[in-house]
Amino acid sequence: MAKLERAVTELQEAGYEAYAKTCDTSVRSQVQELAAYAAELGEIKNVIHAAGLSPAMAILRNCSASMHWAPSISIRSFQNI
């Protein structure tokens, strides 16, 4: 979280309105909570989905499916905001 907080501070010091909130993008309820949090802040202009999955973190046959699952949850959770 320290890297994320530093990034937010840098953006804010540069004059941007920036917020950070972490969640497990593979858990739909957490992404929906993130989307609700973001919606409460006002108009959403950008969402940075910086989650990653290394092939070393998943069984190879499941890796491709995992890499597509989390972003699709994010897209669906933010699409109507």
C-alpha atoms as a PDB file:
ATOM      1  CA  MET A   1       0.000   0.000   0.000  1.00  0.00           C
ATOM      2  CA  ALA A   2       2.950   2.358   0.560  1.00  0.00           C
ATOM      3  CA  LYS A   3       3.667   2.541  -3.193  1.00  0.00           C
ATOM      4  CA  LEU A   4       0.033   3.265  -3.889  1.00  0.00           C
ATOM      5  CA  GLU A   5      -0.109   5.992  -1.245  1.00  0.00           C
ATOM      6  CA  ARG A   6       3.046   7.592  -2.683  1.00  0.00           C
ATOM      7  CA  ALA A   7       1.505   7.548  -6.151  1.00  0.00           C
ATOM      8  CA  VAL A   8      -1.652   9.249  -4.858  1.00  0.00           C
ATOM      9  CA  THR A   9       0.427  11.875  -3.061  1.00  0.00           C
ATOM     10  CA  GLU A  10       2.436  12.551  -6.230  1.00  0.00           C
ATOM     11  CA  LEU A  11      -0.738  12.929  -8.281  1.00  0.00           C
ATOM     12  CA  GLN A  12      -2.308  15.237  -5.705  1.00  0.00           C
ATOM     13  CA  GLU A  13       0.863  17.354  -5.519  1.00  0.00           C
ATOM     14  CA  ALA A  14       0.711  17.659  -9.299  1.00  0.00           C
ATOM     15  CA  GLY A  15      -2.799  19.078  -8.985  1.00  0.00           C
ATOM     16  CA  TYR A  16      -4.874  15.989  -9.676  1.00  0.00           C
ATOM     17  CA  GLU A  17      -7.716  14.702  -7.539  1.00  0.00           C
ATOM     18  CA  ALA A  18      -6.665  11.158  -6.709  1.00  0.00           C
ATOM     19  CA  TYR A  19      -7.794   8.455  -4.295  1.00  0.00           C
ATOM     20  CA  ALA A  20      -6.613   4.939  -3.610  1.00  0.00           C
ATOM     21  CA  LYS A  21      -8.482   1.908  -2.413  1.00  0.00           C
ATOM     22  CA  THR A  22      -7.338  -1.663  -2.676  1.00  0.00           C
ATOM     23  CA  CYS A  23      -9.461  -4.711  -3.286  1.00  0.00           C
ATOM     24  CA  ASP A  24      -9.132  -8.271  -4.497  1.00  0.00           C
ATOM     25  CA  THR A  25     -10.280  -7.986  -8.105  1.00  0.00           C
ATOM     26  CA  SER A  26     -11.153 -11.664  -8.198  1.00  0.00           C
ATOM     27  CA  VAL A  27     -13.851 -11.137  -5.543  1.00  0.00           C
ATOM     28  CA  ARG A  28     -16.932  -9.610  -7.127  1.00  0.00           C
ATOM     29  CA  SER A  29     -18.293  -8.142  -3.869  1.00  0.00           C
ATOM     30  CA  GLN A  30     -15.027  -6.288  -3.210  1.00  0.00           C
ATOM     31  CA  VAL A  31     -15.028  -4.787  -6.703  1.00  0.00           C
ATOM     32  CA  GLN A  32     -18.668  -3.760  -6.301  1.00  0.00           C
ATOM     33  CA  GLU A  33     -17.761  -2.078  -2.986  1.00  0.00           C
ATOM     34  CA  LEU A  34     -14.927  -0.271  -4.782  1.00  0.00           C
ATOM     35  CA  ALA A  35     -17.294   0.893  -7.518  1.00  0.00           C
ATOM     36  CA  ALA A  36     -19.768   2.178  -4.920  1.00  0.00           C
ATOM     37  CA  TYR A  37     -16.952   4.006  -3.079  1.00  0.00           C
ATOM     38  CA  ALA A  38     -15.803   5.601  -6.331  1.00  0.00           C
ATOM     39  CA  ALA A  39     -19.349   6.620  -7.269  1.00  0.00           C
ATOM     40  CA  GLU A  40     -19.734   8.411  -3.923  1.00  0.00           C
ATOM     41  CA  LEU A  41     -16.689  10.553  -4.766  1.00  0.00           C
ATOM     42  CA  GLY A  42     -18.343  11.953  -7.887  1.00  0.00           C
ATOM     43  CA  GLU A  43     -17.763  11.543 -11.602  1.00  0.00           C
ATOM     44  CA  ILE A  44     -15.391   8.706 -12.410  1.00  0.00           C
ATOM     45  CA  LYS A  45     -12.933   9.782 -15.083  1.00  0.00           C
ATOM     46  CA  ASN A  46     -10.365   6.987 -14.851  1.00  0.00           C
ATOM     47  CA  VAL A  47      -9.978   3.655 -13.142  1.00  0.00           C
ATOM     48  CA  ILE A  48      -6.507   2.167 -12.953  1.00  0.00           C
ATOM     49  CA  HIS A  49      -6.765  -1.593 -12.761  1.00  0.00           C
ATOM     50  CA  ALA A  50      -3.219  -2.474 -11.779  1.00  0.00           C
ATOM     51  CA  ALA A  51      -3.780  -6.049 -10.688  1.00  0.00           C
ATOM     52  CA  GLY A  52      -1.584  -8.638 -12.235  1.00  0.00           C
ATOM     53  CA  LEU A  53      -1.183 -12.352 -12.238  1.00  0.00           C
ATOM     54  CA  SER A  54       2.077 -14.090 -12.772  1.00  0.00           C
ATOM     55  CA  PRO A  55       2.049 -17.530 -14.375  1.00  0.00           C
ATOM     56  CA  ALA A  56       3.999 -18.637 -11.298  1.00  0.00           C
ATOM     57  CA  MET A  57       0.967 -17.733  -9.166  1.00  0.00           C
ATOM     58  CA  ALA A  58      -1.504 -20.029 -10.901  1.00  0.00           C
ATOM     59  CA  ILE A  59      -1.685 -23.451 -12.396  1.00  0.00           C
ATOM     60  CA  LEU A  60      -0.840 -22.961 -16.058  1.00  0.00           C
ATOM     61  CA  ARG A  61      -4.124 -24.283 -17.404  1.00  0.00           C
ATOM     62  CA  ASN A  62      -6.039 -21.850 -15.138  1.00  0.00           C
ATOM     63  CA  CYS A  63      -3.753 -18.865 -15.706  1.00  0.00           C
ATOM     64  CA  SER A  64      -5.431 -17.583 -18.867  1.00  0.00           C
ATOM     65  CA  ALA A  65      -8.892 -17.824 -17.362  1.00  0.00           C
ATOM     66  CA  SER A  66      -7.709 -16.040 -14.203  1.00  0.00           C
ATOM     67  CA  MET A  67      -6.167 -13.185 -16.192  1.00  0.00           C
ATOM     68  CA  HIS A  68      -9.521 -12.554 -17.908  1.00  0.00           C
ATOM     69  CA  TRP A  69     -11.810 -13.124 -14.915  1.00  0.00           C
ATOM     70  CA  ALA A  70     -10.705 -10.252 -12.635  1.00  0.00           C
ATOM     71  CA  PRO A  71     -10.757  -7.500 -15.297  1.00  0.00           C
ATOM     72  CA  SER A  72     -14.190  -8.638 -16.454  1.00  0.00           C
ATOM     73  CA  ILE A  73     -15.512  -8.285 -12.891  1.00  0.00           C
ATOM     74  CA  SER A  74     -14.086  -4.756 -12.767  1.00  0.00           C
ATOM     75  CA  ILE A  75     -15.589  -3.756 -16.102  1.00  0.00           C
ATOM     76  CA  ARG A  76     -19.029  -5.071 -15.171  1.00  0.00           C
ATOM     77  CA  SER A  77     -18.944  -3.396 -11.751  1.00  0.00           C
ATOM     78  CA  PHE A  78     -18.071   0.047 -13.137  1.00  0.00           C
ATOM     79  CA  GLN A  79     -20.055  -0.002 -16.398  1.00  0.00           C
ATOM     80  CA  ASN A  80     -23.250   1.588 -15.026  1.00  0.00           C
ATOM     81  CA  ILE A  81     -21.658   4.258 -12.858  1.00  0.00           C
END
